[in-house]
Amino acid sequence: MALQPDVAVANLFERTMKSLGTDEKGLSAAVIRYRWVKPLFENTYEKLYGRSLEERIRTDTSANYGDLLVTLLDIPTEADGAVAAKSSP
């Protein structure tokens, strides 16, 4: 994971949704654990799998659960605030 963390995290998300049934515990854990680094792997996920992570989550989960996970992925983190504060004049 140290060499290409973006690929490793993208693959982890895909593995949780790959088979007949979604691994909801694994998917929930991945969302919570990696949401703060989403900007680092979201483009990689789309390049590897041909659609956005949000779209994949919404199509593989029930409506409310998928919406919840996507909302959690999009919540700004302290790191986002720090980056925004540094980029402001």
Protein backbone atom coordinates (compact mmCIF):
# COMPACT_ATOMS: atom_id res chain seq x y z
CA MET A 1 0.00 0.00 0.00
CA ALA A 2 2.94 2.32 0.51
CA LEU A 3 3.86 2.39 -3.17
CA GLN A 4 0.45 3.20 -4.67
CA PRO A 5 -1.98 4.00 -1.87
CA ASP A 6 -4.54 5.46 -4.27
CA VAL A 7 -4.74 2.18 -6.21
CA ALA A 8 -4.88 0.12 -3.01
CA VAL A 9 -7.79 2.14 -1.58
CA ALA A 10 -9.66 2.12 -4.91
CA ASN A 11 -9.26 -1.66 -5.09
CA LEU A 12 -10.46 -2.02 -1.50
CA PHE A 13 -13.68 -0.15 -2.29
CA GLU A 14 -14.24 -2.26 -5.40
CA ARG A 15 -13.69 -5.53 -3.51
CA THR A 16 -16.41 -4.60 -1.02
CA MET A 17 -18.93 -4.27 -3.87
CA LYS A 18 -17.61 -6.84 -6.35
CA SER A 19 -19.56 -10.05 -5.76
CA LEU A 20 -23.28 -10.82 -5.72
CA GLY A 21 -23.80 -9.17 -2.35
CA THR A 22 -22.17 -5.99 -1.15
CA ASP A 23 -20.01 -6.34 1.95
CA GLU A 24 -21.86 -3.59 3.82
CA LYS A 25 -19.65 -3.75 6.92
CA GLY A 26 -16.52 -3.55 4.80
CA LEU A 27 -17.93 -0.75 2.67
CA SER A 28 -19.05 1.24 5.72
CA ALA A 29 -15.64 0.78 7.35
CA ALA A 30 -13.85 1.86 4.17
CA VAL A 31 -16.01 4.99 3.84
CA ILE A 32 -15.33 6.01 7.44
CA ARG A 33 -11.65 5.14 7.33
CA TYR A 34 -10.72 6.65 3.96
CA ARG A 35 -13.17 9.54 3.46
CA TRP A 36 -10.53 12.07 4.50
CA VAL A 37 -8.26 10.97 1.62
CA LYS A 38 -11.01 10.76 -1.01
CA PRO A 39 -9.39 13.42 -3.22
CA LEU A 40 -6.33 11.18 -3.46
CA PHE A 41 -8.12 8.10 -4.80
CA GLU A 42 -11.40 9.18 -6.43
CA ASN A 43 -9.85 9.85 -9.85
CA THR A 44 -7.90 6.60 -9.65
CA TYR A 45 -11.10 4.69 -8.90
CA GLU A 46 -12.82 6.20 -11.92
CA LYS A 47 -9.86 5.42 -14.21
CA LEU A 48 -9.65 1.82 -13.01
CA TYR A 49 -13.36 0.98 -12.98
CA GLY A 50 -14.93 3.35 -15.52
CA ARG A 51 -17.39 5.12 -13.22
CA SER A 52 -17.30 7.27 -10.13
CA LEU A 53 -17.18 5.75 -6.67
CA GLU A 54 -20.38 7.59 -5.76
CA GLU A 55 -22.21 6.08 -8.73
CA ARG A 56 -20.94 2.60 -7.86
CA ILE A 57 -22.04 2.94 -4.23
CA ARG A 58 -25.49 4.18 -5.21
CA THR A 59 -26.09 1.36 -7.70
CA ASP A 60 -24.85 -1.41 -5.38
CA THR A 61 -26.68 -0.41 -2.21
CA SER A 62 -30.23 0.42 -1.20
CA ALA A 63 -31.27 4.02 -1.84
CA ASN A 64 -31.09 5.40 1.70
CA TYR A 65 -27.96 3.47 2.64
CA GLY A 66 -26.18 4.52 -0.55
CA ASP A 67 -27.16 8.15 -0.03
CA LEU A 68 -25.85 7.99 3.53
CA LEU A 69 -22.48 6.57 2.44
CA VAL A 70 -22.07 9.12 -0.35
CA THR A 71 -22.97 11.93 2.07
CA LEU A 72 -20.37 10.65 4.53
CA LEU A 73 -17.76 10.61 1.76
CA ASP A 74 -18.54 14.23 0.92
CA ILE A 75 -18.43 15.69 4.44
CA PRO A 76 -15.57 18.21 4.63
CA THR A 77 -12.78 17.20 6.98
CA GLU A 78 -10.45 19.31 9.06
CA ALA A 79 -7.81 18.67 6.43
CA ASP A 80 -10.11 20.21 3.79
CA GLY A 81 -10.55 23.28 5.98
CA ALA A 82 -6.83 23.59 6.53
CA VAL A 83 -6.19 23.43 2.80
CA ALA A 84 -8.90 26.03 2.11
CA ALA A 85 -7.55 28.31 4.83
CA LYS A 86 -4.00 28.08 3.45
CA SER A 87 -5.14 28.83 -0.10
CA SER A 88 -7.09 31.93 0.94
CA PRO A 89 -5.24 35.25 0.54
